[in-house]
PDBML (XML) file of the C-alpha atoms, coordinates in Angstrom:
<?xml version="1.0" encoding="UTF-8" ?>
<PDBx:datablock datablockName="MODEL"
   xmlns:PDBx="http://pdbml.pdb.org/schema/pdbx-v50.xsd"
   xmlns:xsi="http://www.w3.org/2001/XMLSchema-instance"
   xsi:schemaLocation="http://pdbml.pdb.org/schema/pdbx-v50.xsd pdbx-v50.xsd">
   <PDBx:atom_siteCategory>
      <PDBx:atom_site id="1">
         <PDBx:B_iso_or_equiv>0.00</PDBx:B_iso_or_equiv>
         <PDBx:Cartn_x>21.946</PDBx:Cartn_x>
         <PDBx:Cartn_y>9.590</PDBx:Cartn_y>
         <PDBx:Cartn_z>-1.280</PDBx:Cartn_z>
         <PDBx:auth_asym_id>A</PDBx:auth_asym_id>
         <PDBx:auth_atom_id>CA</PDBx:auth_atom_id>
         <PDBx:auth_comp_id>TYR</PDBx:auth_comp_id>
         <PDBx:auth_seq_id>1</PDBx:auth_seq_id>
         <PDBx:group_PDB>ATOM</PDBx:group_PDB>
         <PDBx:label_alt_id xsi:nil="true" />
         <PDBx:label_asym_id>A</PDBx:label_asym_id>
         <PDBx:label_atom_id>CA</PDBx:label_atom_id>
         <PDBx:label_comp_id>TYR</PDBx:label_comp_id>
         <PDBx:label_entity_id>1</PDBx:label_entity_id>
         <PDBx:label_seq_id>1</PDBx:label_seq_id>
         <PDBx:occupancy>1.00</PDBx:occupancy>
         <PDBx:pdbx_PDB_model_num>1</PDBx:pdbx_PDB_model_num>
         <PDBx:type_symbol>C</PDBx:type_symbol>
      </PDBx:atom_site>
      <PDBx:atom_site id="2">
         <PDBx:B_iso_or_equiv>0.00</PDBx:B_iso_or_equiv>
         <PDBx:Cartn_x>22.725</PDBx:Cartn_x>
         <PDBx:Cartn_y>8.349</PDBx:Cartn_y>
         <PDBx:Cartn_z>2.196</PDBx:Cartn_z>
         <PDBx:auth_asym_id>A</PDBx:auth_asym_id>
         <PDBx:auth_atom_id>CA</PDBx:auth_atom_id>
         <PDBx:auth_comp_id>ILE</PDBx:auth_comp_id>
         <PDBx:auth_seq_id>2</PDBx:auth_seq_id>
         <PDBx:group_PDB>ATOM</PDBx:group_PDB>
         <PDBx:label_alt_id xsi:nil="true" />
         <PDBx:label_asym_id>A</PDBx:label_asym_id>
         <PDBx:label_atom_id>CA</PDBx:label_atom_id>
         <PDBx:label_comp_id>ILE</PDBx:label_comp_id>
         <PDBx:label_entity_id>1</PDBx:label_entity_id>
         <PDBx:label_seq_id>2</PDBx:label_seq_id>
         <PDBx:occupancy>1.00</PDBx:occupancy>
         <PDBx:pdbx_PDB_model_num>1</PDBx:pdbx_PDB_model_num>
         <PDBx:type_symbol>C</PDBx:type_symbol>
      </PDBx:atom_site>
      <PDBx:atom_site id="3">
         <PDBx:B_iso_or_equiv>0.00</PDBx:B_iso_or_equiv>
         <PDBx:Cartn_x>25.937</PDBx:Cartn_x>
         <PDBx:Cartn_y>6.340</PDBx:Cartn_y>
         <PDBx:Cartn_z>2.405</PDBx:Cartn_z>
         <PDBx:auth_asym_id>A</PDBx:auth_asym_id>
         <PDBx:auth_atom_id>CA</PDBx:auth_atom_id>
         <PDBx:auth_comp_id>LEU</PDBx:auth_comp_id>
         <PDBx:auth_seq_id>3</PDBx:auth_seq_id>
         <PDBx:group_PDB>ATOM</PDBx:group_PDB>
         <PDBx:label_alt_id xsi:nil="true" />
         <PDBx:label_asym_id>A</PDBx:label_asym_id>
         <PDBx:label_atom_id>CA</PDBx:label_atom_id>
         <PDBx:label_comp_id>LEU</PDBx:label_comp_id>
         <PDBx:label_entity_id>1</PDBx:label_entity_id>
         <PDBx:label_seq_id>3</PDBx:label_seq_id>
         <PDBx:occupancy>1.00</PDBx:occupancy>
         <PDBx:pdbx_PDB_model_num>1</PDBx:pdbx_PDB_model_num>
         <PDBx:type_symbol>C</PDBx:type_symbol>
      </PDBx:atom_site>
      <PDBx:atom_site id="4">
         <PDBx:B_iso_or_equiv>0.00</PDBx:B_iso_or_equiv>
         <PDBx:Cartn_x>26.348</PDBx:Cartn_x>
         <PDBx:Cartn_y>3.736</PDBx:Cartn_y>
         <PDBx:Cartn_z>5.128</PDBx:Cartn_z>
         <PDBx:auth_asym_id>A</PDBx:auth_asym_id>
         <PDBx:auth_atom_id>CA</PDBx:auth_atom_id>
         <PDBx:auth_comp_id>ILE</PDBx:auth_comp_id>
         <PDBx:auth_seq_id>4</PDBx:auth_seq_id>
         <PDBx:group_PDB>ATOM</PDBx:group_PDB>
         <PDBx:label_alt_id xsi:nil="true" />
         <PDBx:label_asym_id>A</PDBx:label_asym_id>
         <PDBx:label_atom_id>CA</PDBx:label_atom_id>
         <PDBx:label_comp_id>ILE</PDBx:label_comp_id>
         <PDBx:label_entity_id>1</PDBx:label_entity_id>
         <PDBx:label_seq_id>4</PDBx:label_seq_id>
         <PDBx:occupancy>1.00</PDBx:occupancy>
         <PDBx:pdbx_PDB_model_num>1</PDBx:pdbx_PDB_model_num>
         <PDBx:type_symbol>C</PDBx:type_symbol>
      </PDBx:atom_site>
      <PDBx:atom_site id="5">
         <PDBx:B_iso_or_equiv>0.00</PDBx:B_iso_or_equiv>
         <PDBx:Cartn_x>29.836</PDBx:Cartn_x>
         <PDBx:Cartn_y>2.246</PDBx:Cartn_y>
         <PDBx:Cartn_z>5.397</PDBx:Cartn_z>
         <PDBx:auth_asym_id>A</PDBx:auth_asym_id>
         <PDBx:auth_atom_id>CA</PDBx:auth_atom_id>
         <PDBx:auth_comp_id>LYS</PDBx:auth_comp_id>
         <PDBx:auth_seq_id>5</PDBx:auth_seq_id>
         <PDBx:group_PDB>ATOM</PDBx:group_PDB>
         <PDBx:label_alt_id xsi:nil="true" />
         <PDBx:label_asym_id>A</PDBx:label_asym_id>
         <PDBx:label_atom_id>CA</PDBx:label_atom_id>
         <PDBx:label_comp_id>LYS</PDBx:label_comp_id>
         <PDBx:label_entity_id>1</PDBx:label_entity_id>
         <PDBx:label_seq_id>5</PDBx:label_seq_id>
         <PDBx:occupancy>1.00</PDBx:occupancy>
         <PDBx:pdbx_PDB_model_num>1</PDBx:pdbx_PDB_model_num>
         <PDBx:type_symbol>C</PDBx:type_symbol>
      </PDBx:atom_site>
      <PDBx:atom_site id="6">
         <PDBx:B_iso_or_equiv>0.00</PDBx:B_iso_or_equiv>
         <PDBx:Cartn_x>30.181</PDBx:Cartn_x>
         <PDBx:Cartn_y>-0.789</PDBx:Cartn_y>
         <PDBx:Cartn_z>7.620</PDBx:Cartn_z>
         <PDBx:auth_asym_id>A</PDBx:auth_asym_id>
         <PDBx:auth_atom_id>CA</PDBx:auth_atom_id>
         <PDBx:auth_comp_id>ILE</PDBx:auth_comp_id>
         <PDBx:auth_seq_id>6</PDBx:auth_seq_id>
         <PDBx:group_PDB>ATOM</PDBx:group_PDB>
         <PDBx:label_alt_id xsi:nil="true" />
         <PDBx:label_asym_id>A</PDBx:label_asym_id>
         <PDBx:label_atom_id>CA</PDBx:label_atom_id>
         <PDBx:label_comp_id>ILE</PDBx:label_comp_id>
         <PDBx:label_entity_id>1</PDBx:label_entity_id>
         <PDBx:label_seq_id>6</PDBx:label_seq_id>
         <PDBx:occupancy>1.00</PDBx:occupancy>
         <PDBx:pdbx_PDB_model_num>1</PDBx:pdbx_PDB_model_num>
         <PDBx:type_symbol>C</PDBx:type_symbol>
      </PDBx:atom_site>
      <PDBx:atom_site id="7">
         <PDBx:B_iso_or_equiv>0.00</PDBx:B_iso_or_equiv>
         <PDBx:Cartn_x>33.518</PDBx:Cartn_x>
         <PDBx:Cartn_y>-2.029</PDBx:Cartn_y>
         <PDBx:Cartn_z>8.953</PDBx:Cartn_z>
         <PDBx:auth_asym_id>A</PDBx:auth_asym_id>
         <PDBx:auth_atom_id>CA</PDBx:auth_atom_id>
         <PDBx:auth_comp_id>ASP</PDBx:auth_comp_id>
         <PDBx:auth_seq_id>7</PDBx:auth_seq_id>
         <PDBx:group_PDB>ATOM</PDBx:group_PDB>
         <PDBx:label_alt_id xsi:nil="true" />
         <PDBx:label_asym_id>A</PDBx:label_asym_id>
         <PDBx:label_atom_id>CA</PDBx:label_atom_id>
         <PDBx:label_comp_id>ASP</PDBx:label_comp_id>
         <PDBx:label_entity_id>1</PDBx:label_entity_id>
         <PDBx:label_seq_id>7</PDBx:label_seq_id>
         <PDBx:occupancy>1.00</PDBx:occupancy>
         <PDBx:pdbx_PDB_model_num>1</PDBx:pdbx_PDB_model_num>
         <PDBx:type_symbol>C</PDBx:type_symbol>
      </PDBx:atom_site>
      <PDBx:atom_site id="8">
         <PDBx:B_iso_or_equiv>0.00</PDBx:B_iso_or_equiv>
         <PDBx:Cartn_x>34.623</PDBx:Cartn_x>
         <PDBx:Cartn_y>-4.847</PDBx:Cartn_y>
         <PDBx:Cartn_z>11.212</PDBx:Cartn_z>
         <PDBx:auth_asym_id>A</PDBx:auth_asym_id>
         <PDBx:auth_atom_id>CA</PDBx:auth_atom_id>
         <PDBx:auth_comp_id>TYR</PDBx:auth_comp_id>
         <PDBx:auth_seq_id>8</PDBx:auth_seq_id>
         <PDBx:group_PDB>ATOM</PDBx:group_PDB>
         <PDBx:label_alt_id xsi:nil="true" />
         <PDBx:label_asym_id>A</PDBx:label_asym_id>
         <PDBx:label_atom_id>CA</PDBx:label_atom_id>
         <PDBx:label_comp_id>TYR</PDBx:label_comp_id>
         <PDBx:label_entity_id>1</PDBx:label_entity_id>
         <PDBx:label_seq_id>8</PDBx:label_seq_id>
         <PDBx:occupancy>1.00</PDBx:occupancy>
         <PDBx:pdbx_PDB_model_num>1</PDBx:pdbx_PDB_model_num>
         <PDBx:type_symbol>C</PDBx:type_symbol>
      </PDBx:atom_site>
      <PDBx:atom_site id="9">
         <PDBx:B_iso_or_equiv>0.00</PDBx:B_iso_or_equiv>
         <PDBx:Cartn_x>36.460</PDBx:Cartn_x>
         <PDBx:Cartn_y>-3.917</PDBx:Cartn_y>
         <PDBx:Cartn_z>14.357</PDBx:Cartn_z>
         <PDBx:auth_asym_id>A</PDBx:auth_asym_id>
         <PDBx:auth_atom_id>CA</PDBx:auth_atom_id>
         <PDBx:auth_comp_id>ASP</PDBx:auth_comp_id>
         <PDBx:auth_seq_id>9</PDBx:auth_seq_id>
         <PDBx:group_PDB>ATOM</PDBx:group_PDB>
         <PDBx:label_alt_id xsi:nil="true" />
         <PDBx:label_asym_id>A</PDBx:label_asym_id>
         <PDBx:label_atom_id>CA</PDBx:label_atom_id>
         <PDBx:label_comp_id>ASP</PDBx:label_comp_id>
         <PDBx:label_entity_id>1</PDBx:label_entity_id>
         <PDBx:label_seq_id>9</PDBx:label_seq_id>
         <PDBx:occupancy>1.00</PDBx:occupancy>
         <PDBx:pdbx_PDB_model_num>1</PDBx:pdbx_PDB_model_num>
         <PDBx:type_symbol>C</PDBx:type_symbol>
      </PDBx:atom_site>
      <PDBx:atom_site id="10">
         <PDBx:B_iso_or_equiv>0.00</PDBx:B_iso_or_equiv>
         <PDBx:Cartn_x>40.050</PDBx:Cartn_x>
         <PDBx:Cartn_y>-5.181</PDBx:Cartn_y>
         <PDBx:Cartn_z>14.064</PDBx:Cartn_z>
         <PDBx:auth_asym_id>A</PDBx:auth_asym_id>
         <PDBx:auth_atom_id>CA</PDBx:auth_atom_id>
         <PDBx:auth_comp_id>GLN</PDBx:auth_comp_id>
         <PDBx:auth_seq_id>10</PDBx:auth_seq_id>
         <PDBx:group_PDB>ATOM</PDBx:group_PDB>
         <PDBx:label_alt_id xsi:nil="true" />
         <PDBx:label_asym_id>A</PDBx:label_asym_id>
         <PDBx:label_atom_id>CA</PDBx:label_atom_id>
         <PDBx:label_comp_id>GLN</PDBx:label_comp_id>
         <PDBx:label_entity_id>1</PDBx:label_entity_id>
         <PDBx:label_seq_id>10</PDBx:label_seq_id>
         <PDBx:occupancy>1.00</PDBx:occupancy>
         <PDBx:pdbx_PDB_model_num>1</PDBx:pdbx_PDB_model_num>
         <PDBx:type_symbol>C</PDBx:type_symbol>
      </PDBx:atom_site>
      <PDBx:atom_site id="11">
         <PDBx:B_iso_or_equiv>0.00</PDBx:B_iso_or_equiv>
         <PDBx:Cartn_x>40.229</PDBx:Cartn_x>
         <PDBx:Cartn_y>-6.009</PDBx:Cartn_y>
         <PDBx:Cartn_z>17.781</PDBx:Cartn_z>
         <PDBx:auth_asym_id>A</PDBx:auth_asym_id>
         <PDBx:auth_atom_id>CA</PDBx:auth_atom_id>
         <PDBx:auth_comp_id>GLU</PDBx:auth_comp_id>
         <PDBx:auth_seq_id>11</PDBx:auth_seq_id>
         <PDBx:group_PDB>ATOM</PDBx:group_PDB>
         <PDBx:label_alt_id xsi:nil="true" />
         <PDBx:label_asym_id>A</PDBx:label_asym_id>
         <PDBx:label_atom_id>CA</PDBx:label_atom_id>
         <PDBx:label_comp_id>GLU</PDBx:label_comp_id>
         <PDBx:label_entity_id>1</PDBx:label_entity_id>
         <PDBx:label_seq_id>11</PDBx:label_seq_id>
         <PDBx:occupancy>1.00</PDBx:occupancy>
         <PDBx:pdbx_PDB_model_num>1</PDBx:pdbx_PDB_model_num>
         <PDBx:type_symbol>C</PDBx:type_symbol>
      </PDBx:atom_site>
      <PDBx:atom_site id="12">
         <PDBx:B_iso_or_equiv>0.00</PDBx:B_iso_or_equiv>
         <PDBx:Cartn_x>36.782</PDBx:Cartn_x>
         <PDBx:Cartn_y>-7.571</PDBx:Cartn_y>
         <PDBx:Cartn_z>18.237</PDBx:Cartn_z>
         <PDBx:auth_asym_id>A</PDBx:auth_asym_id>
         <PDBx:auth_atom_id>CA</PDBx:auth_atom_id>
         <PDBx:auth_comp_id>ASP</PDBx:auth_comp_id>
         <PDBx:auth_seq_id>12</PDBx:auth_seq_id>
         <PDBx:group_PDB>ATOM</PDBx:group_PDB>
         <PDBx:label_alt_id xsi:nil="true" />
         <PDBx:label_asym_id>A</PDBx:label_asym_id>
         <PDBx:label_atom_id>CA</PDBx:label_atom_id>
         <PDBx:label_comp_id>ASP</PDBx:label_comp_id>
         <PDBx:label_entity_id>1</PDBx:label_entity_id>
         <PDBx:label_seq_id>12</PDBx:label_seq_id>
         <PDBx:occupancy>1.00</PDBx:occupancy>
         <PDBx:pdbx_PDB_model_num>1</PDBx:pdbx_PDB_model_num>
         <PDBx:type_symbol>C</PDBx:type_symbol>
      </PDBx:atom_site>
      <PDBx:atom_site id="13">
         <PDBx:B_iso_or_equiv>0.00</PDBx:B_iso_or_equiv>
         <PDBx:Cartn_x>35.166</PDBx:Cartn_x>
         <PDBx:Cartn_y>-9.186</PDBx:Cartn_y>
         <PDBx:Cartn_z>15.179</PDBx:Cartn_z>
         <PDBx:auth_asym_id>A</PDBx:auth_asym_id>
         <PDBx:auth_atom_id>CA</PDBx:auth_atom_id>
         <PDBx:auth_comp_id>LEU</PDBx:auth_comp_id>
         <PDBx:auth_seq_id>13</PDBx:auth_seq_id>
         <PDBx:group_PDB>ATOM</PDBx:group_PDB>
         <PDBx:label_alt_id xsi:nil="true" />
         <PDBx:label_asym_id>A</PDBx:label_asym_id>
         <PDBx:label_atom_id>CA</PDBx:label_atom_id>
         <PDBx:label_comp_id>LEU</PDBx:label_comp_id>
         <PDBx:label_entity_id>1</PDBx:label_entity_id>
         <PDBx:label_seq_id>13</PDBx:label_seq_id>
         <PDBx:occupancy>1.00</PDBx:occupancy>
         <PDBx:pdbx_PDB_model_num>1</PDBx:pdbx_PDB_model_num>
         <PDBx:type_symbol>C</PDBx:type_symbol>
      </PDBx:atom_site>
      <PDBx:atom_site id="14">
         <PDBx:B_iso_or_equiv>0.00</PDBx:B_iso_or_equiv>
         <PDBx:Cartn_x>31.711</PDBx:Cartn_x>
         <PDBx:Cartn_y>-9.024</PDBx:Cartn_y>
         <PDBx:Cartn_z>16.810</PDBx:Cartn_z>
         <PDBx:auth_asym_id>A</PDBx:auth_asym_id>
         <PDBx:auth_atom_id>CA</PDBx:auth_atom_id>
         <PDBx:auth_comp_id>PHE</PDBx:auth_comp_id>
         <PDBx:auth_seq_id>14</PDBx:auth_seq_id>
         <PDBx:group_PDB>ATOM</PDBx:group_PDB>
         <PDBx:label_alt_id xsi:nil="true" />
         <PDBx:label_asym_id>A</PDBx:label_asym_id>
         <PDBx:label_atom_id>CA</PDBx:label_atom_id>
         <PDBx:label_comp_id>PHE</PDBx:label_comp_id>
         <PDBx:label_entity_id>1</PDBx:label_entity_id>
         <PDBx:label_seq_id>14</PDBx:label_seq_id>
         <PDBx:occupancy>1.00</PDBx:occupancy>
         <PDBx:pdbx_PDB_model_num>1</PDBx:pdbx_PDB_model_num>
         <PDBx:type_symbol>C</PDBx:type_symbol>
      </PDBx:atom_site>
      <PDBx:atom_site id="15">
         <PDBx:B_iso_or_equiv>0.00</PDBx:B_iso_or_equiv>
         <PDBx:Cartn_x>31.804</PDBx:Cartn_x>
         <PDBx:Cartn_y>-5.229</PDBx:Cartn_y>
         <PDBx:Cartn_z>16.746</PDBx:Cartn_z>
         <PDBx:auth_asym_id>A</PDBx:auth_asym_id>
         <PDBx:auth_atom_id>CA</PDBx:auth_atom_id>
         <PDBx:auth_comp_id>LEU</PDBx:auth_comp_id>
         <PDBx:auth_seq_id>15</PDBx:auth_seq_id>
         <PDBx:group_PDB>ATOM</PDBx:group_PDB>
         <PDBx:label_alt_id xsi:nil="true" />
         <PDBx:label_asym_id>A</PDBx:label_asym_id>
         <PDBx:label_atom_id>CA</PDBx:label_atom_id>
         <PDBx:label_comp_id>LEU</PDBx:label_comp_id>
         <PDBx:label_entity_id>1</PDBx:label_entity_id>
         <PDBx:label_seq_id>15</PDBx:label_seq_id>
         <PDBx:occupancy>1.00</PDBx:occupancy>
         <PDBx:pdbx_PDB_model_num>1</PDBx:pdbx_PDB_model_num>
         <PDBx:type_symbol>C</PDBx:type_symbol>
      </PDBx:atom_site>
      <PDBx:atom_site id="16">
         <PDBx:B_iso_or_equiv>0.00</PDBx:B_iso_or_equiv>
         <PDBx:Cartn_x>30.610</PDBx:Cartn_x>
         <PDBx:Cartn_y>-3.353</PDBx:Cartn_y>
         <PDBx:Cartn_z>13.684</PDBx:Cartn_z>
         <PDBx:auth_asym_id>A</PDBx:auth_asym_id>
         <PDBx:auth_atom_id>CA</PDBx:auth_atom_id>
         <PDBx:auth_comp_id>ARG</PDBx:auth_comp_id>
         <PDBx:auth_seq_id>16</PDBx:auth_seq_id>
         <PDBx:group_PDB>ATOM</PDBx:group_PDB>
         <PDBx:label_alt_id xsi:nil="true" />
         <PDBx:label_asym_id>A</PDBx:label_asym_id>
         <PDBx:label_atom_id>CA</PDBx:label_atom_id>
         <PDBx:label_comp_id>ARG</PDBx:label_comp_id>
         <PDBx:label_entity_id>1</PDBx:label_entity_id>
         <PDBx:label_seq_id>16</PDBx:label_seq_id>
         <PDBx:occupancy>1.00</PDBx:occupancy>
         <PDBx:pdbx_PDB_model_num>1</PDBx:pdbx_PDB_model_num>
         <PDBx:type_symbol>C</PDBx:type_symbol>
      </PDBx:atom_site>
      <PDBx:atom_site id="17">
         <PDBx:B_iso_or_equiv>0.00</PDBx:B_iso_or_equiv>
         <PDBx:Cartn_x>31.363</PDBx:Cartn_x>
         <PDBx:Cartn_y>0.288</PDBx:Cartn_y>
         <PDBx:Cartn_z>12.949</PDBx:Cartn_z>
         <PDBx:auth_asym_id>A</PDBx:auth_asym_id>
         <PDBx:auth_atom_id>CA</PDBx:auth_atom_id>
         <PDBx:auth_comp_id>HIS</PDBx:auth_comp_id>
         <PDBx:auth_seq_id>17</PDBx:auth_seq_id>
         <PDBx:group_PDB>ATOM</PDBx:group_PDB>
         <PDBx:label_alt_id xsi:nil="true" />
         <PDBx:label_asym_id>A</PDBx:label_asym_id>
         <PDBx:label_atom_id>CA</PDBx:label_atom_id>
         <PDBx:label_comp_id>HIS</PDBx:label_comp_id>
         <PDBx:label_entity_id>1</PDBx:label_entity_id>
         <PDBx:label_seq_id>17</PDBx:label_seq_id>
         <PDBx:occupancy>1.00</PDBx:occupancy>
         <PDBx:pdbx_PDB_model_num>1</PDBx:pdbx_PDB_model_num>
         <PDBx:type_symbol>C</PDBx:type_symbol>
      </PDBx:atom_site>
      <PDBx:atom_site id="18">
         <PDBx:B_iso_or_equiv>0.00</PDBx:B_iso_or_equiv>
         <PDBx:Cartn_x>28.740</PDBx:Cartn_x>
         <PDBx:Cartn_y>2.200</PDBx:Cartn_y>
         <PDBx:Cartn_z>10.960</PDBx:Cartn_z>
         <PDBx:auth_asym_id>A</PDBx:auth_asym_id>
         <PDBx:auth_atom_id>CA</PDBx:auth_atom_id>
         <PDBx:auth_comp_id>PHE</PDBx:auth_comp_id>
         <PDBx:auth_seq_id>18</PDBx:auth_seq_id>
         <PDBx:group_PDB>ATOM</PDBx:group_PDB>
         <PDBx:label_alt_id xsi:nil="true" />
         <PDBx:label_asym_id>A</PDBx:label_asym_id>
         <PDBx:label_atom_id>CA</PDBx:label_atom_id>
         <PDBx:label_comp_id>PHE</PDBx:label_comp_id>
         <PDBx:label_entity_id>1</PDBx:label_entity_id>
         <PDBx:label_seq_id>18</PDBx:label_seq_id>
         <PDBx:occupancy>1.00</PDBx:occupancy>
         <PDBx:pdbx_PDB_model_num>1</PDBx:pdbx_PDB_model_num>
         <PDBx:type_symbol>C</PDBx:type_symbol>
      </PDBx:atom_site>
      <PDBx:atom_site id="19">
         <PDBx:B_iso_or_equiv>0.00</PDBx:B_iso_or_equiv>
         <PDBx:Cartn_x>29.449</PDBx:Cartn_x>
         <PDBx:Cartn_y>5.556</PDBx:Cartn_y>
         <PDBx:Cartn_z>9.374</PDBx:Cartn_z>
         <PDBx:auth_asym_id>A</PDBx:auth_asym_id>
         <PDBx:auth_atom_id>CA</PDBx:auth_atom_id>
         <PDBx:auth_comp_id>THR</PDBx:auth_comp_id>
         <PDBx:auth_seq_id>19</PDBx:auth_seq_id>
         <PDBx:group_PDB>ATOM</PDBx:group_PDB>
         <PDBx:label_alt_id xsi:nil="true" />
         <PDBx:label_asym_id>A</PDBx:label_asym_id>
         <PDBx:label_atom_id>CA</PDBx:label_atom_id>
         <PDBx:label_comp_id>THR</PDBx:label_comp_id>
         <PDBx:label_entity_id>1</PDBx:label_entity_id>
         <PDBx:label_seq_id>19</PDBx:label_seq_id>
         <PDBx:occupancy>1.00</PDBx:occupancy>
         <PDBx:pdbx_PDB_model_num>1</PDBx:pdbx_PDB_model_num>
         <PDBx:type_symbol>C</PDBx:type_symbol>
      </PDBx:atom_site>
      <PDBx:atom_site id="20">
         <PDBx:B_iso_or_equiv>0.00</PDBx:B_iso_or_equiv>
         <PDBx:Cartn_x>26.317</PDBx:Cartn_x>
         <PDBx:Cartn_y>7.215</PDBx:Cartn_y>
         <PDBx:Cartn_z>8.017</PDBx:Cartn_z>
         <PDBx:auth_asym_id>A</PDBx:auth_asym_id>
         <PDBx:auth_atom_id>CA</PDBx:auth_atom_id>
         <PDBx:auth_comp_id>ILE</PDBx:auth_comp_id>
         <PDBx:auth_seq_id>20</PDBx:auth_seq_id>
         <PDBx:group_PDB>ATOM</PDBx:group_PDB>
         <PDBx:label_alt_id xsi:nil="true" />
         <PDBx:label_asym_id>A</PDBx:label_asym_id>
         <PDBx:label_atom_id>CA</PDBx:label_atom_id>
         <PDBx:label_comp_id>ILE</PDBx:label_comp_id>
         <PDBx:label_entity_id>1</PDBx:label_entity_id>
         <PDBx:label_seq_id>20</PDBx:label_seq_id>
         <PDBx:occupancy>1.00</PDBx:occupancy>
         <PDBx:pdbx_PDB_model_num>1</PDBx:pdbx_PDB_model_num>
         <PDBx:type_symbol>C</PDBx:type_symbol>
      </PDBx:atom_site>
      <PDBx:atom_site id="21">
         <PDBx:B_iso_or_equiv>0.00</PDBx:B_iso_or_equiv>
         <PDBx:Cartn_x>26.926</PDBx:Cartn_x>
         <PDBx:Cartn_y>10.185</PDBx:Cartn_y>
         <PDBx:Cartn_z>5.723</PDBx:Cartn_z>
         <PDBx:auth_asym_id>A</PDBx:auth_asym_id>
         <PDBx:auth_atom_id>CA</PDBx:auth_atom_id>
         <PDBx:auth_comp_id>THR</PDBx:auth_comp_id>
         <PDBx:auth_seq_id>21</PDBx:auth_seq_id>
         <PDBx:group_PDB>ATOM</PDBx:group_PDB>
         <PDBx:label_alt_id xsi:nil="true" />
         <PDBx:label_asym_id>A</PDBx:label_asym_id>
         <PDBx:label_atom_id>CA</PDBx:label_atom_id>
         <PDBx:label_comp_id>THR</PDBx:label_comp_id>
         <PDBx:label_entity_id>1</PDBx:label_entity_id>
         <PDBx:label_seq_id>21</PDBx:label_seq_id>
         <PDBx:occupancy>1.00</PDBx:occupancy>
         <PDBx:pdbx_PDB_model_num>1</PDBx:pdbx_PDB_model_num>
         <PDBx:type_symbol>C</PDBx:type_symbol>
      </PDBx:atom_site>
      <PDBx:atom_site id="22">
         <PDBx:B_iso_or_equiv>0.00</PDBx:B_iso_or_equiv>
         <PDBx:Cartn_x>24.451</PDBx:Cartn_x>
         <PDBx:Cartn_y>12.365</PDBx:Cartn_y>
         <PDBx:Cartn_z>3.877</PDBx:Cartn_z>
         <PDBx:auth_asym_id>A</PDBx:auth_asym_id>
         <PDBx:auth_atom_id>CA</PDBx:auth_atom_id>
         <PDBx:auth_comp_id>GLY</PDBx:auth_comp_id>
         <PDBx:auth_seq_id>22</PDBx:auth_seq_id>
         <PDBx:group_PDB>ATOM</PDBx:group_PDB>
         <PDBx:label_alt_id xsi:nil="true" />
         <PDBx:label_asym_id>A</PDBx:label_asym_id>
         <PDBx:label_atom_id>CA</PDBx:label_atom_id>
         <PDBx:label_comp_id>GLY</PDBx:label_comp_id>
         <PDBx:label_entity_id>1</PDBx:label_entity_id>
         <PDBx:label_seq_id>22</PDBx:label_seq_id>
         <PDBx:occupancy>1.00</PDBx:occupancy>
         <PDBx:pdbx_PDB_model_num>1</PDBx:pdbx_PDB_model_num>
         <PDBx:type_symbol>C</PDBx:type_symbol>
      </PDBx:atom_site>
      <PDBx:atom_site id="23">
         <PDBx:B_iso_or_equiv>0.00</PDBx:B_iso_or_equiv>
         <PDBx:Cartn_x>25.686</PDBx:Cartn_x>
         <PDBx:Cartn_y>12.904</PDBx:Cartn_y>
         <PDBx:Cartn_z>0.302</PDBx:Cartn_z>
         <PDBx:auth_asym_id>A</PDBx:auth_asym_id>
         <PDBx:auth_atom_id>CA</PDBx:auth_atom_id>
         <PDBx:auth_comp_id>LYS</PDBx:auth_comp_id>
         <PDBx:auth_seq_id>23</PDBx:auth_seq_id>
         <PDBx:group_PDB>ATOM</PDBx:group_PDB>
         <PDBx:label_alt_id xsi:nil="true" />
         <PDBx:label_asym_id>A</PDBx:label_asym_id>
         <PDBx:label_atom_id>CA</PDBx:label_atom_id>
         <PDBx:label_comp_id>LYS</PDBx:label_comp_id>
         <PDBx:label_entity_id>1</PDBx:label_entity_id>
         <PDBx:label_seq_id>23</PDBx:label_seq_id>
         <PDBx:occupancy>1.00</PDBx:occupancy>
         <PDBx:pdbx_PDB_model_num>1</PDBx:pdbx_PDB_model_num>
         <PDBx:type_symbol>C</PDBx:type_symbol>
      </PDBx:atom_site>
      <PDBx:atom_site id="24">
         <PDBx:B_iso_or_equiv>0.00</PDBx:B_iso_or_equiv>
         <PDBx:Cartn_x>24.434</PDBx:Cartn_x>
         <PDBx:Cartn_y>15.849</PDBx:Cartn_y>
         <PDBx:Cartn_z>-1.721</PDBx:Cartn_z>
         <PDBx:auth_asym_id>A</PDBx:auth_asym_id>
         <PDBx:auth_atom_id>CA</PDBx:auth_atom_id>
         <PDBx:auth_comp_id>GLY</PDBx:auth_comp_id>
         <PDBx:auth_seq_id>24</PDBx:auth_seq_id>
         <PDBx:group_PDB>ATOM</PDBx:group_PDB>
         <PDBx:label_alt_id xsi:nil="true" />
         <PDBx:label_asym_id>A</PDBx:label_asym_id>
         <PDBx:label_atom_id>CA</PDBx:label_atom_id>
         <PDBx:label_comp_id>GLY</PDBx:label_comp_id>
         <PDBx:label_entity_id>1</PDBx:label_entity_id>
         <PDBx:label_seq_id>24</PDBx:label_seq_id>
         <PDBx:occupancy>1.00</PDBx:occupancy>
         <PDBx:pdbx_PDB_model_num>1</PDBx:pdbx_PDB_model_num>
         <PDBx:type_symbol>C</PDBx:type_symbol>
      </PDBx:atom_site>
      <PDBx:atom_site id="25">
         <PDBx:B_iso_or_equiv>0.00</PDBx:B_iso_or_equiv>
         <PDBx:Cartn_x>22.175</PDBx:Cartn_x>
         <PDBx:Cartn_y>18.749</PDBx:Cartn_y>
         <PDBx:Cartn_z>-0.843</PDBx:Cartn_z>
         <PDBx:auth_asym_id>A</PDBx:auth_asym_id>
         <PDBx:auth_atom_id>CA</PDBx:auth_atom_id>
         <PDBx:auth_comp_id>PRO</PDBx:auth_comp_id>
         <PDBx:auth_seq_id>25</PDBx:auth_seq_id>
         <PDBx:group_PDB>ATOM</PDBx:group_PDB>
         <PDBx:label_alt_id xsi:nil="true" />
         <PDBx:label_asym_id>A</PDBx:label_asym_id>
         <PDBx:label_atom_id>CA</PDBx:label_atom_id>
         <PDBx:label_comp_id>PRO</PDBx:label_comp_id>
         <PDBx:label_entity_id>1</PDBx:label_entity_id>
         <PDBx:label_seq_id>25</PDBx:label_seq_id>
         <PDBx:occupancy>1.00</PDBx:occupancy>
         <PDBx:pdbx_PDB_model_num>1</PDBx:pdbx_PDB_model_num>
         <PDBx:type_symbol>C</PDBx:type_symbol>
      </PDBx:atom_site>
   </PDBx:atom_siteCategory>
</PDBx:datablock>
């Protein structure tokens, strides 16, 4: 599956951090 983790920025709550990771072959 493709995992997308989304986090708030601690300094600026309007910013979003997206980490997209390919899981599995």
